[in-house]
């Protein structure tokens, strides 16, 4: 019986040590710095569509992430930081003005396709963040905005 206690105590201490150490290790860099730049700065976007981006996209695709408590505990922190890093690599709504016209064209096409095909936000994300789920009208609004913005960008 005492051997079992020692084993459980040892395992418990090992888990605590791993969690404490893992919580200070950030293999994907320092992603937690916030940038208060307006999302999609420079784009022509109505408040309702912007709100959809803020609610459903910004938590991964911007530098305005609202980090939940479990994002500070390894290994969950590593998975979340990996996802945010990958998302920002594809599209960072906080850095819209840094993209060239051609890059914005590609991103706007991807936004429209993601809205049409229901691939964003991912199901595993909306299971935990139900308010980020997109309705059919949200998807239609994002698709129409991406088409209009692509058209506007071509005229510039």
N, C-alpha and C. Protein backbone atom coordinates (compact mmCIF):
# COMPACT_ATOMS: atom_id res chain seq x y z
N UNK A 1 0.81 -1.19 0.00
CA UNK A 1 0.00 0.00 0.00
C UNK A 1 0.86 1.26 0.00
N UNK A 2 1.91 1.27 0.80
CA UNK A 2 2.79 2.44 0.84
C UNK A 2 3.51 2.63 -0.49
N UNK A 3 3.84 1.55 -1.15
CA UNK A 3 4.52 1.64 -2.44
C UNK A 3 3.61 2.33 -3.45
N UNK A 4 2.33 2.02 -3.41
CA UNK A 4 1.38 2.67 -4.31
C UNK A 4 1.30 4.17 -4.05
N UNK A 5 1.31 4.55 -2.80
CA UNK A 5 1.28 5.98 -2.46
C UNK A 5 2.51 6.69 -3.00
N UNK A 6 3.66 6.05 -2.84
CA UNK A 6 4.90 6.65 -3.32
C UNK A 6 4.88 6.79 -4.84
N UNK A 7 4.36 5.78 -5.50
CA UNK A 7 4.27 5.83 -6.97
C UNK A 7 3.33 6.95 -7.38
N UNK A 8 2.14 7.02 -6.77
CA UNK A 8 1.19 8.08 -7.11
C UNK A 8 1.73 9.46 -6.76
N UNK A 9 2.39 9.58 -5.64
CA UNK A 9 2.99 10.85 -5.26
C UNK A 9 4.07 11.24 -6.26
N UNK A 10 4.91 10.27 -6.64
CA UNK A 10 5.96 10.53 -7.63
C UNK A 10 5.38 10.94 -8.97
N UNK A 11 4.32 10.24 -9.40
CA UNK A 11 3.67 10.60 -10.66
C UNK A 11 3.03 11.98 -10.58
N UNK A 12 2.41 12.27 -9.45
CA UNK A 12 1.80 13.58 -9.27
C UNK A 12 2.82 14.70 -9.33
N UNK A 13 3.95 14.49 -8.66
CA UNK A 13 5.02 15.50 -8.69
C UNK A 13 5.60 15.65 -10.10
N UNK A 14 5.73 14.53 -10.80
CA UNK A 14 6.24 14.59 -12.17
C UNK A 14 5.30 15.37 -13.07
N UNK A 15 4.00 15.14 -12.93
CA UNK A 15 3.01 15.87 -13.73
C UNK A 15 3.06 17.36 -13.39
N UNK A 16 3.14 17.70 -12.13
CA UNK A 16 3.22 19.11 -11.73
C UNK A 16 4.49 19.76 -12.28
N UNK A 17 5.61 19.05 -12.19
CA UNK A 17 6.87 19.60 -12.70
C UNK A 17 6.79 19.80 -14.22
N UNK A 18 6.24 18.81 -14.92
CA UNK A 18 6.10 18.91 -16.38
C UNK A 18 5.21 20.09 -16.74
N UNK A 19 4.09 20.24 -16.04
CA UNK A 19 3.16 21.33 -16.31
C UNK A 19 3.82 22.68 -16.04
N UNK A 20 4.51 22.80 -14.93
CA UNK A 20 5.16 24.06 -14.60
C UNK A 20 6.24 24.40 -15.62
N UNK A 21 7.08 23.43 -15.95
CA UNK A 21 8.14 23.67 -16.92
C UNK A 21 7.56 23.91 -18.31
N UNK A 22 6.60 23.10 -18.68
CA UNK A 22 5.99 23.22 -20.00
C UNK A 22 5.25 24.53 -20.20
N UNK A 23 4.78 25.12 -19.13
CA UNK A 23 4.04 26.37 -19.24
C UNK A 23 4.94 27.57 -19.51
N UNK A 24 6.23 27.43 -19.29
CA UNK A 24 7.15 28.53 -19.59
C UNK A 24 7.89 28.31 -20.90
N UNK A 25 7.77 27.12 -21.46
CA UNK A 25 8.40 26.81 -22.75
C UNK A 25 7.38 27.09 -23.85
N UNK A 26 7.76 27.89 -24.83
CA UNK A 26 6.87 28.25 -25.94
C UNK A 26 7.57 27.90 -27.26
N UNK A 27 7.37 26.67 -27.75
CA UNK A 27 8.08 26.24 -28.96
C UNK A 27 7.71 27.03 -30.21
N UNK A 28 6.62 27.79 -30.19
CA UNK A 28 6.21 28.54 -31.38
C UNK A 28 6.47 30.03 -31.25
N UNK A 29 7.30 30.39 -30.27
CA UNK A 29 7.66 31.79 -30.09
C UNK A 29 6.69 32.51 -29.18
N UNK A 30 6.88 33.81 -29.04
CA UNK A 30 6.05 34.62 -28.16
C UNK A 30 4.84 35.13 -28.94
N UNK A 31 3.77 34.36 -28.92
CA UNK A 31 2.57 34.72 -29.66
C UNK A 31 1.61 35.58 -28.85
N UNK A 32 1.90 35.76 -27.59
CA UNK A 32 0.93 36.37 -26.69
C UNK A 32 0.97 37.90 -26.66
N UNK A 33 1.88 38.50 -27.39
CA UNK A 33 1.90 39.97 -27.44
C UNK A 33 0.66 40.43 -28.22
N UNK A 34 -0.07 41.37 -27.63
CA UNK A 34 -1.29 41.86 -28.25
C UNK A 34 -0.99 43.06 -29.13
N UNK A 35 -1.72 43.18 -30.21
CA UNK A 35 -1.63 44.29 -31.14
C UNK A 35 -3.03 44.87 -31.25
N UNK A 36 -3.20 46.10 -30.86
CA UNK A 36 -4.53 46.70 -30.86
C UNK A 36 -4.89 47.37 -32.19
N UNK A 37 -4.10 47.10 -33.23
CA UNK A 37 -4.43 47.61 -34.55
C UNK A 37 -5.80 47.10 -34.95
N UNK A 38 -6.58 47.93 -35.60
CA UNK A 38 -7.91 47.52 -36.04
C UNK A 38 -7.81 46.33 -36.99
N UNK A 39 -8.71 45.40 -36.84
CA UNK A 39 -8.74 44.26 -37.76
C UNK A 39 -9.09 44.74 -39.15
N UNK A 40 -8.43 44.18 -40.14
CA UNK A 40 -8.68 44.49 -41.55
C UNK A 40 -8.55 45.98 -41.84
N UNK A 41 -7.59 46.63 -41.16
CA UNK A 41 -7.36 48.06 -41.35
C UNK A 41 -7.10 48.34 -42.83
N UNK A 42 -7.79 49.32 -43.36
CA UNK A 42 -7.65 49.68 -44.77
C UNK A 42 -8.68 49.03 -45.67
N UNK A 43 -9.34 47.99 -45.18
CA UNK A 43 -10.39 47.34 -45.97
C UNK A 43 -11.69 48.12 -45.80
N UNK A 44 -12.56 48.02 -46.78
CA UNK A 44 -13.89 48.61 -46.67
C UNK A 44 -14.79 47.49 -46.16
N UNK A 45 -15.24 47.64 -44.92
CA UNK A 45 -16.02 46.58 -44.28
C UNK A 45 -17.08 47.19 -43.38
N UNK A 46 -18.28 46.67 -43.47
CA UNK A 46 -19.37 47.17 -42.64
C UNK A 46 -19.26 46.60 -41.23
N UNK A 47 -19.85 47.26 -40.25
CA UNK A 47 -19.72 46.83 -38.85
C UNK A 47 -20.20 45.40 -38.58
N UNK A 48 -21.28 44.98 -39.24
CA UNK A 48 -21.78 43.62 -39.01
C UNK A 48 -20.78 42.56 -39.47
N UNK A 49 -20.19 42.76 -40.63
CA UNK A 49 -19.22 41.80 -41.15
C UNK A 49 -17.96 41.82 -40.30
N UNK A 50 -17.53 42.99 -39.89
CA UNK A 50 -16.37 43.10 -39.01
C UNK A 50 -16.63 42.36 -37.70
N UNK A 51 -17.83 42.47 -37.18
CA UNK A 51 -18.18 41.76 -35.95
C UNK A 51 -18.07 40.24 -36.13
N UNK A 52 -18.44 39.73 -37.29
CA UNK A 52 -18.31 38.29 -37.56
C UNK A 52 -16.83 37.91 -37.51
N UNK A 53 -15.97 38.69 -38.13
CA UNK A 53 -14.53 38.42 -38.09
C UNK A 53 -14.02 38.45 -36.65
N UNK A 54 -14.45 39.44 -35.89
CA UNK A 54 -14.00 39.55 -34.50
C UNK A 54 -14.46 38.35 -33.67
N UNK A 55 -15.67 37.91 -33.88
CA UNK A 55 -16.25 36.82 -33.10
C UNK A 55 -15.72 35.44 -33.51
N UNK A 56 -15.52 35.24 -34.82
CA UNK A 56 -15.26 33.89 -35.31
C UNK A 56 -13.87 33.65 -35.88
N UNK A 57 -13.13 34.69 -36.16
CA UNK A 57 -11.83 34.51 -36.84
C UNK A 57 -10.65 35.07 -36.05
N UNK A 58 -10.87 36.18 -35.35
CA UNK A 58 -9.76 36.93 -34.74
C UNK A 58 -9.02 36.15 -33.67
N UNK A 59 -9.66 35.20 -33.03
CA UNK A 59 -9.00 34.49 -31.94
C UNK A 59 -7.84 33.62 -32.41
N UNK A 60 -7.78 33.35 -33.68
CA UNK A 60 -6.62 32.62 -34.24
C UNK A 60 -5.90 33.45 -35.30
N UNK A 61 -6.67 34.18 -36.10
CA UNK A 61 -6.12 34.88 -37.26
C UNK A 61 -5.83 36.35 -36.99
N UNK A 62 -5.41 36.68 -35.76
CA UNK A 62 -5.04 38.07 -35.46
C UNK A 62 -4.12 38.09 -34.25
N UNK A 63 -3.75 39.27 -33.86
CA UNK A 63 -2.93 39.45 -32.66
C UNK A 63 -3.78 40.02 -31.53
N UNK A 64 -5.06 39.67 -31.55
CA UNK A 64 -6.01 40.08 -30.51
C UNK A 64 -6.65 38.84 -29.90
N UNK A 65 -5.85 37.86 -29.64
CA UNK A 65 -6.34 36.58 -29.12
C UNK A 65 -6.76 36.74 -27.67
N UNK A 66 -7.89 36.15 -27.32
CA UNK A 66 -8.32 36.06 -25.93
C UNK A 66 -7.90 34.68 -25.44
N UNK A 67 -6.78 34.64 -24.74
CA UNK A 67 -6.19 33.38 -24.31
C UNK A 67 -6.98 32.81 -23.12
N UNK A 68 -7.59 31.63 -23.27
CA UNK A 68 -8.31 31.03 -22.14
C UNK A 68 -7.33 30.52 -21.09
N UNK A 69 -7.81 30.24 -19.90
CA UNK A 69 -6.95 29.80 -18.80
C UNK A 69 -6.14 28.57 -19.17
N UNK A 70 -6.76 27.63 -19.90
CA UNK A 70 -6.06 26.39 -20.22
C UNK A 70 -4.97 26.58 -21.27
N UNK A 71 -4.92 27.76 -21.89
CA UNK A 71 -3.84 28.02 -22.85
C UNK A 71 -2.54 28.36 -22.15
N UNK A 72 -2.55 28.40 -20.83
CA UNK A 72 -1.35 28.68 -20.05
C UNK A 72 -0.78 27.41 -19.42
N UNK A 73 -1.39 26.27 -19.73
CA UNK A 73 -0.97 25.01 -19.12
C UNK A 73 -0.55 24.04 -20.22
N UNK A 74 0.70 23.58 -20.13
CA UNK A 74 1.19 22.61 -21.10
C UNK A 74 0.53 21.26 -20.82
N UNK A 75 0.29 20.45 -21.80
CA UNK A 75 0.60 20.59 -23.22
C UNK A 75 -0.48 21.30 -24.03
N UNK A 76 -1.62 21.66 -23.38
CA UNK A 76 -2.68 22.38 -24.10
C UNK A 76 -2.14 23.67 -24.69
N UNK A 77 -1.28 24.37 -23.96
CA UNK A 77 -0.73 25.64 -24.45
C UNK A 77 0.03 25.44 -25.75
N UNK A 78 0.75 24.33 -25.85
CA UNK A 78 1.52 24.07 -27.07
C UNK A 78 0.61 23.82 -28.26
N UNK A 79 -0.48 23.09 -28.06
CA UNK A 79 -1.41 22.82 -29.16
C UNK A 79 -2.09 24.11 -29.61
N UNK A 80 -2.51 24.92 -28.66
CA UNK A 80 -3.19 26.17 -29.00
C UNK A 80 -2.22 27.13 -29.69
N UNK A 81 -1.01 27.25 -29.17
CA UNK A 81 -0.03 28.14 -29.79
C UNK A 81 0.35 27.65 -31.19
N UNK A 82 0.41 26.34 -31.39
CA UNK A 82 0.68 25.80 -32.73
C UNK A 82 -0.43 26.21 -33.68
N UNK A 83 -1.68 26.07 -33.26
CA UNK A 83 -2.81 26.42 -34.11
C UNK A 83 -2.83 27.92 -34.43
N UNK A 84 -2.58 28.76 -33.43
CA UNK A 84 -2.57 30.21 -33.65
C UNK A 84 -1.42 30.60 -34.58
N UNK A 85 -0.26 30.00 -34.37
CA UNK A 85 0.89 30.29 -35.23
C UNK A 85 0.58 29.92 -36.69
N UNK A 86 0.02 28.75 -36.90
CA UNK A 86 -0.31 28.30 -38.26
C UNK A 86 -1.39 29.21 -38.87
N UNK A 87 -2.39 29.58 -38.08
CA UNK A 87 -3.46 30.44 -38.58
C UNK A 87 -2.93 31.81 -38.98
N UNK A 88 -2.07 32.40 -38.15
CA UNK A 88 -1.51 33.71 -38.47
C UNK A 88 -0.61 33.65 -39.70
N UNK A 89 0.04 32.52 -39.91
CA UNK A 89 0.88 32.37 -41.10
C UNK A 89 0.03 32.44 -42.36
N UNK A 90 -1.17 31.89 -42.30
CA UNK A 90 -2.06 31.90 -43.46
C UNK A 90 -2.73 33.25 -43.66
N UNK A 91 -3.14 33.87 -42.54
CA UNK A 91 -3.85 35.14 -42.62
C UNK A 91 -3.82 35.80 -41.25
N UNK A 92 -3.31 37.01 -41.19
CA UNK A 92 -3.28 37.76 -39.93
C UNK A 92 -4.07 39.05 -40.14
N UNK A 93 -5.26 39.08 -39.58
CA UNK A 93 -6.15 40.22 -39.75
C UNK A 93 -5.60 41.50 -39.12
N UNK A 94 -4.66 41.37 -38.20
CA UNK A 94 -4.04 42.54 -37.56
C UNK A 94 -2.97 43.16 -38.45
N UNK A 95 -2.57 42.48 -39.48
CA UNK A 95 -1.49 42.97 -40.36
C UNK A 95 -1.98 43.15 -41.79
N UNK A 96 -3.24 43.46 -41.96
CA UNK A 96 -3.85 43.54 -43.28
C UNK A 96 -3.11 44.52 -44.19
N UNK A 97 -2.68 45.64 -43.64
CA UNK A 97 -2.02 46.66 -44.46
C UNK A 97 -0.63 46.22 -44.94
N UNK A 98 -0.07 45.20 -44.33
CA UNK A 98 1.27 44.76 -44.75
C UNK A 98 1.22 43.81 -45.95
N UNK A 99 0.04 43.34 -46.30
CA UNK A 99 -0.08 42.43 -47.44
C UNK A 99 -0.10 43.21 -48.74
N UNK A 100 0.52 42.66 -49.74
CA UNK A 100 0.46 43.26 -51.07
C UNK A 100 -0.94 43.04 -51.65
N UNK A 101 -1.25 43.74 -52.74
CA UNK A 101 -2.55 43.57 -53.39
C UNK A 101 -2.75 42.12 -53.82
N UNK A 102 -1.70 41.50 -54.32
CA UNK A 102 -1.78 40.10 -54.75
C UNK A 102 -2.03 39.17 -53.55
N UNK A 103 -1.35 39.42 -52.45
CA UNK A 103 -1.56 38.60 -51.25
C UNK A 103 -2.98 38.77 -50.71
N UNK A 104 -3.48 40.01 -50.71
CA UNK A 104 -4.85 40.23 -50.26
C UNK A 104 -5.85 39.52 -51.17
N UNK A 105 -5.58 39.52 -52.46
CA UNK A 105 -6.43 38.81 -53.43
C UNK A 105 -6.52 37.32 -53.08
N UNK A 106 -5.39 36.73 -52.80
CA UNK A 106 -5.34 35.31 -52.44
C UNK A 106 -6.08 35.05 -51.13
N UNK A 107 -5.84 35.91 -50.14
CA UNK A 107 -6.49 35.74 -48.84
C UNK A 107 -7.99 35.94 -48.95
N UNK A 108 -8.42 36.93 -49.70
CA UNK A 108 -9.85 37.17 -49.88
C UNK A 108 -10.52 36.00 -50.58
N UNK A 109 -9.84 35.41 -51.55
CA UNK A 109 -10.37 34.20 -52.21
C UNK A 109 -10.50 33.06 -51.22
N UNK A 110 -9.49 32.92 -50.36
CA UNK A 110 -9.51 31.86 -49.35
C UNK A 110 -10.64 32.09 -48.34
N UNK A 111 -10.87 33.34 -47.96
CA UNK A 111 -11.97 33.66 -47.04
C UNK A 111 -13.30 33.26 -47.68
N UNK A 112 -13.49 33.65 -48.92
CA UNK A 112 -14.74 33.30 -49.62
C UNK A 112 -14.93 31.80 -49.73
N UNK A 113 -13.86 31.09 -50.07
CA UNK A 113 -13.94 29.63 -50.19
C UNK A 113 -14.23 28.98 -48.84
N UNK A 114 -13.57 29.47 -47.79
CA UNK A 114 -13.78 28.91 -46.45
C UNK A 114 -15.21 29.15 -45.99
N UNK A 115 -15.74 30.32 -46.31
CA UNK A 115 -17.13 30.61 -45.93
C UNK A 115 -18.10 29.71 -46.68
N UNK A 116 -17.87 29.52 -47.97
CA UNK A 116 -18.76 28.70 -48.80
C UNK A 116 -18.72 27.22 -48.41
N UNK A 117 -17.53 26.72 -48.09
CA UNK A 117 -17.36 25.28 -47.87
C UNK A 117 -17.43 24.85 -46.41
N UNK A 118 -17.67 25.79 -45.52
CA UNK A 118 -17.80 25.48 -44.08
C UNK A 118 -16.54 24.91 -43.44
N UNK A 119 -15.36 25.21 -43.98
CA UNK A 119 -14.15 24.65 -43.37
C UNK A 119 -13.61 25.51 -42.22
N UNK A 120 -14.10 26.75 -42.14
CA UNK A 120 -13.68 27.62 -41.05
C UNK A 120 -14.90 28.16 -40.34
N UNK A 121 -14.85 28.38 -39.06
CA UNK A 121 -13.82 27.89 -38.15
C UNK A 121 -13.93 26.37 -37.99
N UNK A 122 -12.80 25.74 -37.65
CA UNK A 122 -12.80 24.27 -37.55
C UNK A 122 -13.79 23.78 -36.49
N UNK A 123 -14.34 22.63 -36.72
CA UNK A 123 -15.33 22.04 -35.80
C UNK A 123 -14.75 21.88 -34.40
N UNK A 124 -13.49 21.46 -34.30
CA UNK A 124 -12.91 21.25 -32.97
C UNK A 124 -12.80 22.56 -32.19
N UNK A 125 -12.73 23.68 -32.91
CA UNK A 125 -12.71 24.99 -32.25
C UNK A 125 -14.12 25.37 -31.79
N UNK A 126 -15.10 25.20 -32.67
CA UNK A 126 -16.46 25.62 -32.32
C UNK A 126 -17.10 24.70 -31.28
N UNK A 127 -16.58 23.51 -31.09
CA UNK A 127 -17.08 22.66 -30.01
C UNK A 127 -16.85 23.31 -28.66
N UNK A 128 -15.71 23.98 -28.52
CA UNK A 128 -15.36 24.64 -27.26
C UNK A 128 -15.85 26.10 -27.25
N UNK A 129 -15.83 26.75 -28.40
CA UNK A 129 -16.21 28.16 -28.53
C UNK A 129 -17.46 28.24 -29.41
N UNK A 130 -18.59 27.90 -28.87
CA UNK A 130 -19.82 27.81 -29.65
C UNK A 130 -20.25 29.15 -30.23
N UNK A 131 -19.88 30.26 -29.59
CA UNK A 131 -20.25 31.56 -30.11
C UNK A 131 -19.50 31.90 -31.41
N UNK A 132 -18.44 31.16 -31.71
CA UNK A 132 -17.67 31.42 -32.94
C UNK A 132 -18.26 30.71 -34.16
N UNK A 133 -19.21 29.81 -33.95
CA UNK A 133 -19.83 29.11 -35.07
C UNK A 133 -20.51 30.11 -36.01
N UNK A 134 -20.43 29.83 -37.28
CA UNK A 134 -21.01 30.72 -38.29
C UNK A 134 -22.36 30.20 -38.75
N UNK A 135 -23.35 31.08 -38.78
CA UNK A 135 -24.66 30.73 -39.33
C UNK A 135 -24.56 30.80 -40.86
N UNK A 136 -25.60 30.34 -41.53
CA UNK A 136 -25.60 30.43 -43.00
C UNK A 136 -25.59 31.89 -43.43
N UNK A 137 -26.27 32.75 -42.71
CA UNK A 137 -26.25 34.18 -43.08
C UNK A 137 -24.88 34.80 -42.83
N UNK A 138 -24.18 34.36 -41.77
CA UNK A 138 -22.81 34.82 -41.53
C UNK A 138 -21.92 34.41 -42.69
N UNK A 139 -22.05 33.17 -43.10
CA UNK A 139 -21.23 32.65 -44.20
C UNK A 139 -21.50 33.42 -45.50
N UNK A 140 -22.77 33.66 -45.76
CA UNK A 140 -23.13 34.41 -46.97
C UNK A 140 -22.57 35.83 -46.91
N UNK A 141 -22.64 36.45 -45.75
CA UNK A 141 -22.11 37.81 -45.58
C UNK A 141 -20.60 37.84 -45.81
N UNK A 142 -19.86 36.88 -45.23
CA UNK A 142 -18.41 36.82 -45.42
C UNK A 142 -18.07 36.58 -46.89
N UNK A 143 -18.80 35.70 -47.52
CA UNK A 143 -18.55 35.41 -48.94
C UNK A 143 -18.78 36.66 -49.79
N UNK A 144 -19.91 37.31 -49.59
CA UNK A 144 -20.22 38.51 -50.39
C UNK A 144 -19.21 39.62 -50.11
N UNK A 145 -18.81 39.79 -48.85
CA UNK A 145 -17.83 40.82 -48.54
C UNK A 145 -16.50 40.52 -49.22
N UNK A 146 -16.06 39.26 -49.17
CA UNK A 146 -14.77 38.91 -49.79
C UNK A 146 -14.80 39.16 -51.29
N UNK A 147 -15.92 38.88 -51.94
CA UNK A 147 -16.05 39.16 -53.38
C UNK A 147 -16.00 40.66 -53.65
N UNK A 148 -16.75 41.43 -52.87
CA UNK A 148 -16.78 42.88 -53.07
C UNK A 148 -15.41 43.50 -52.80
N UNK A 149 -14.74 43.04 -51.76
CA UNK A 149 -13.42 43.60 -51.43
C UNK A 149 -12.38 43.22 -52.48
N UNK A 150 -12.47 42.01 -53.01
CA UNK A 150 -11.56 41.63 -54.12
C UNK A 150 -11.79 42.55 -55.31
N UNK A 151 -13.02 42.77 -55.62
CA UNK A 151 -13.37 43.65 -56.75
C UNK A 151 -12.86 45.07 -56.51
N UNK A 152 -13.04 45.57 -55.29
CA UNK A 152 -12.56 46.92 -54.94
C UNK A 152 -11.05 47.01 -55.05
N UNK A 153 -10.35 45.97 -54.57
CA UNK A 153 -8.89 45.95 -54.62
C UNK A 153 -8.36 45.93 -56.04
N UNK A 154 -9.08 45.29 -56.94
CA UNK A 154 -8.63 45.22 -58.34
C UNK A 154 -8.70 46.60 -58.99
N UNK A 155 -9.62 47.43 -58.55
CA UNK A 155 -9.78 48.77 -59.12
C UNK A 155 -8.71 49.75 -58.63
N UNK A 156 -8.03 49.41 -57.56
CA UNK A 156 -7.03 50.34 -57.01
C UNK A 156 -5.76 50.32 -57.79
